Amino acid sequence: MKRRRTKQTTSLEERVLRQAEQIRLRADSMPPGQEREELLKKARDADMGAHIEEWLRSSGLQPPKDRGEIGT
């Protein structure tokens, strides 16, 4: 069985942020309650995922220092 491959035209960050926006719009159209709160939590989680992905791609992210370099 062959794997289906899809070429993404937008970054993961953009796709996750768009998903968060769509979830938030759905939640805004609902009355207050547990289902609405769960959707808002999913939107917040998606926002956090996008920010983590952005942080991981940043040039400021440094690898852990080798123990031999500590204190030198």
N, C-alpha and C. Protein backbone atom coordinates (compact mmCIF):
# COMPACT_ATOMS: atom_id res chain seq x y z
N MET A 1 0.85 -1.18 0.00
CA MET A 1 0.00 0.00 0.00
C MET A 1 0.89 1.25 0.00
N LYS A 2 0.62 2.15 -0.91
CA LYS A 2 1.40 3.38 -1.02
C LYS A 2 0.89 4.44 -0.06
N ARG A 3 1.84 5.20 0.47
CA ARG A 3 1.49 6.32 1.34
C ARG A 3 1.09 7.51 0.51
N ARG A 4 0.06 8.17 0.93
CA ARG A 4 -0.33 9.41 0.25
C ARG A 4 0.53 10.55 0.79
N ARG A 5 1.10 11.30 -0.09
CA ARG A 5 1.92 12.44 0.32
C ARG A 5 1.25 13.71 -0.17
N THR A 6 1.21 14.68 0.71
CA THR A 6 0.61 15.96 0.38
C THR A 6 1.65 17.05 0.59
N LYS A 7 1.83 17.87 -0.41
CA LYS A 7 2.76 18.99 -0.28
C LYS A 7 2.00 20.14 0.38
N GLN A 8 2.49 20.58 1.53
CA GLN A 8 1.85 21.67 2.27
C GLN A 8 2.25 23.00 1.65
N THR A 9 1.28 23.86 1.44
CA THR A 9 1.56 25.17 0.86
C THR A 9 1.68 26.25 1.92
N THR A 10 1.27 25.93 3.14
CA THR A 10 1.40 26.89 4.25
C THR A 10 2.16 26.21 5.38
N SER A 11 2.75 27.02 6.24
CA SER A 11 3.53 26.48 7.35
C SER A 11 2.61 25.85 8.40
N LEU A 12 3.21 25.01 9.21
CA LEU A 12 2.45 24.38 10.30
C LEU A 12 1.86 25.45 11.21
N GLU A 13 2.66 26.46 11.50
CA GLU A 13 2.20 27.55 12.37
C GLU A 13 0.95 28.22 11.80
N GLU A 14 0.96 28.51 10.50
CA GLU A 14 -0.20 29.16 9.88
C GLU A 14 -1.43 28.26 9.93
N ARG A 15 -1.24 26.98 9.65
CA ARG A 15 -2.37 26.05 9.66
C ARG A 15 -2.98 25.92 11.05
N VAL A 16 -2.11 25.85 12.06
CA VAL A 16 -2.60 25.71 13.44
C VAL A 16 -3.32 26.99 13.88
N LEU A 17 -2.76 28.15 13.53
CA LEU A 17 -3.42 29.41 13.90
C LEU A 17 -4.77 29.57 13.20
N ARG A 18 -4.85 29.14 11.95
CA ARG A 18 -6.12 29.19 11.22
C ARG A 18 -7.16 28.27 11.88
N GLN A 19 -6.69 27.09 12.29
CA GLN A 19 -7.59 26.15 12.98
C GLN A 19 -8.09 26.77 14.29
N ALA A 20 -7.20 27.42 15.04
CA ALA A 20 -7.59 28.05 16.29
C ALA A 20 -8.65 29.13 16.04
N GLU A 21 -8.46 29.89 14.97
CA GLU A 21 -9.41 30.94 14.64
C GLU A 21 -10.79 30.35 14.30
N GLN A 22 -10.80 29.26 13.53
CA GLN A 22 -12.06 28.62 13.16
C GLN A 22 -12.77 28.05 14.39
N ILE A 23 -12.01 27.45 15.29
CA ILE A 23 -12.60 26.91 16.52
C ILE A 23 -13.18 28.03 17.36
N ARG A 24 -12.44 29.14 17.46
CA ARG A 24 -12.90 30.28 18.25
C ARG A 24 -14.19 30.86 17.68
N LEU A 25 -14.30 30.92 16.35
CA LEU A 25 -15.53 31.41 15.71
C LEU A 25 -16.72 30.50 16.04
N ARG A 26 -16.47 29.19 16.00
CA ARG A 26 -17.55 28.24 16.36
C ARG A 26 -17.97 28.45 17.81
N ALA A 27 -17.00 28.62 18.69
CA ALA A 27 -17.30 28.80 20.12
C ALA A 27 -18.07 30.10 20.35
N ASP A 28 -17.72 31.15 19.62
CA ASP A 28 -18.39 32.44 19.79
C ASP A 28 -19.86 32.38 19.42
N SER A 29 -20.22 31.45 18.55
CA SER A 29 -21.62 31.34 18.12
C SER A 29 -22.44 30.45 19.06
N MET A 30 -21.80 29.91 20.09
CA MET A 30 -22.50 29.01 21.02
C MET A 30 -22.87 29.74 22.30
N PRO A 31 -23.91 29.26 22.97
CA PRO A 31 -24.25 29.84 24.28
C PRO A 31 -23.22 29.40 25.33
N PRO A 32 -23.09 30.16 26.41
CA PRO A 32 -22.16 29.77 27.47
C PRO A 32 -22.47 28.35 27.95
N GLY A 33 -21.42 27.60 28.23
CA GLY A 33 -21.59 26.24 28.71
C GLY A 33 -20.32 25.43 28.53
N GLN A 34 -20.41 24.17 28.89
CA GLN A 34 -19.24 23.30 28.88
C GLN A 34 -18.69 23.08 27.47
N GLU A 35 -19.57 22.87 26.48
CA GLU A 35 -19.11 22.63 25.13
C GLU A 35 -18.35 23.84 24.58
N ARG A 36 -18.86 25.03 24.86
CA ARG A 36 -18.19 26.26 24.41
C ARG A 36 -16.82 26.40 25.07
N GLU A 37 -16.76 26.12 26.37
CA GLU A 37 -15.49 26.21 27.10
C GLU A 37 -14.47 25.22 26.56
N GLU A 38 -14.92 24.02 26.18
CA GLU A 38 -14.02 23.02 25.62
C GLU A 38 -13.46 23.49 24.28
N LEU A 39 -14.30 24.11 23.46
CA LEU A 39 -13.82 24.65 22.19
C LEU A 39 -12.81 25.77 22.40
N LEU A 40 -13.08 26.65 23.36
CA LEU A 40 -12.14 27.73 23.65
C LEU A 40 -10.80 27.18 24.15
N LYS A 41 -10.84 26.11 24.93
CA LYS A 41 -9.61 25.47 25.40
C LYS A 41 -8.83 24.90 24.22
N LYS A 42 -9.53 24.27 23.27
CA LYS A 42 -8.86 23.75 22.08
C LYS A 42 -8.20 24.88 21.29
N ALA A 43 -8.88 26.01 21.20
CA ALA A 43 -8.31 27.16 20.49
C ALA A 43 -7.06 27.66 21.20
N ARG A 44 -7.09 27.75 22.52
CA ARG A 44 -5.91 28.19 23.28
C ARG A 44 -4.77 27.20 23.11
N ASP A 45 -5.09 25.89 23.12
CA ASP A 45 -4.06 24.86 22.93
C ASP A 45 -3.42 24.98 21.54
N ALA A 46 -4.24 25.26 20.53
CA ALA A 46 -3.72 25.42 19.18
C ALA A 46 -2.81 26.65 19.10
N ASP A 47 -3.21 27.75 19.75
CA ASP A 47 -2.36 28.95 19.79
C ASP A 47 -1.02 28.63 20.43
N MET A 48 -1.07 27.90 21.53
CA MET A 48 0.17 27.54 22.24
C MET A 48 1.04 26.66 21.36
N GLY A 49 0.45 25.72 20.65
CA GLY A 49 1.20 24.86 19.74
C GLY A 49 1.89 25.65 18.65
N ALA A 50 1.21 26.64 18.11
CA ALA A 50 1.80 27.49 17.07
C ALA A 50 2.98 28.28 17.63
N HIS A 51 2.84 28.78 18.83
CA HIS A 51 3.93 29.56 19.43
C HIS A 51 5.12 28.68 19.77
N ILE A 52 4.86 27.45 20.20
CA ILE A 52 5.96 26.51 20.49
C ILE A 52 6.69 26.18 19.20
N GLU A 53 5.94 25.94 18.12
CA GLU A 53 6.54 25.64 16.83
C GLU A 53 7.40 26.82 16.37
N GLU A 54 6.91 28.04 16.55
CA GLU A 54 7.67 29.24 16.19
C GLU A 54 8.95 29.32 17.02
N TRP A 55 8.85 29.03 18.30
CA TRP A 55 10.01 29.08 19.20
C TRP A 55 11.05 28.04 18.78
N LEU A 56 10.58 26.85 18.41
CA LEU A 56 11.52 25.79 18.01
C LEU A 56 12.27 26.16 16.73
N ARG A 57 11.63 26.90 15.84
CA ARG A 57 12.27 27.32 14.59
C ARG A 57 13.16 28.55 14.76
N SER A 58 13.06 29.24 15.88
CA SER A 58 13.79 30.50 16.04
C SER A 58 15.30 30.28 16.08
N SER A 59 16.03 31.27 15.62
CA SER A 59 17.49 31.17 15.62
C SER A 59 18.05 31.37 17.03
N GLY A 60 17.25 31.89 17.93
CA GLY A 60 17.73 32.12 19.30
C GLY A 60 17.75 30.87 20.15
N LEU A 61 17.16 29.78 19.64
CA LEU A 61 17.14 28.53 20.39
C LEU A 61 18.54 27.94 20.40
N GLN A 62 19.08 27.69 21.56
CA GLN A 62 20.42 27.17 21.70
C GLN A 62 20.40 25.73 22.22
N PRO A 63 21.29 24.90 21.73
CA PRO A 63 21.37 23.53 22.26
C PRO A 63 21.93 23.57 23.69
N PRO A 64 21.67 22.53 24.46
CA PRO A 64 22.22 22.50 25.83
C PRO A 64 23.74 22.54 25.78
N LYS A 65 24.33 23.20 26.78
CA LYS A 65 25.79 23.28 26.83
C LYS A 65 26.35 21.96 27.32
N ASP A 66 27.53 21.62 26.79
CA ASP A 66 28.22 20.41 27.21
C ASP A 66 28.68 20.61 28.65
N ARG A 67 28.54 19.58 29.45
CA ARG A 67 28.90 19.68 30.87
C ARG A 67 30.34 20.12 31.05
N GLY A 68 31.21 19.79 30.14
CA GLY A 68 32.62 20.18 30.23
C GLY A 68 32.81 21.68 30.10
N GLU A 69 31.84 22.37 29.54
CA GLU A 69 31.97 23.82 29.34
C GLU A 69 31.45 24.63 30.53
N ILE A 70 30.75 24.00 31.44
CA ILE A 70 30.17 24.72 32.58
C ILE A 70 31.31 25.24 33.46
N GLY A 71 31.24 26.52 33.76
CA GLY A 71 32.22 27.13 34.64
C GLY A 71 33.51 27.53 33.95
N THR A 72 33.57 27.37 32.65
CA THR A 72 34.81 27.77 31.94
C THR A 72 34.58 28.98 31.11
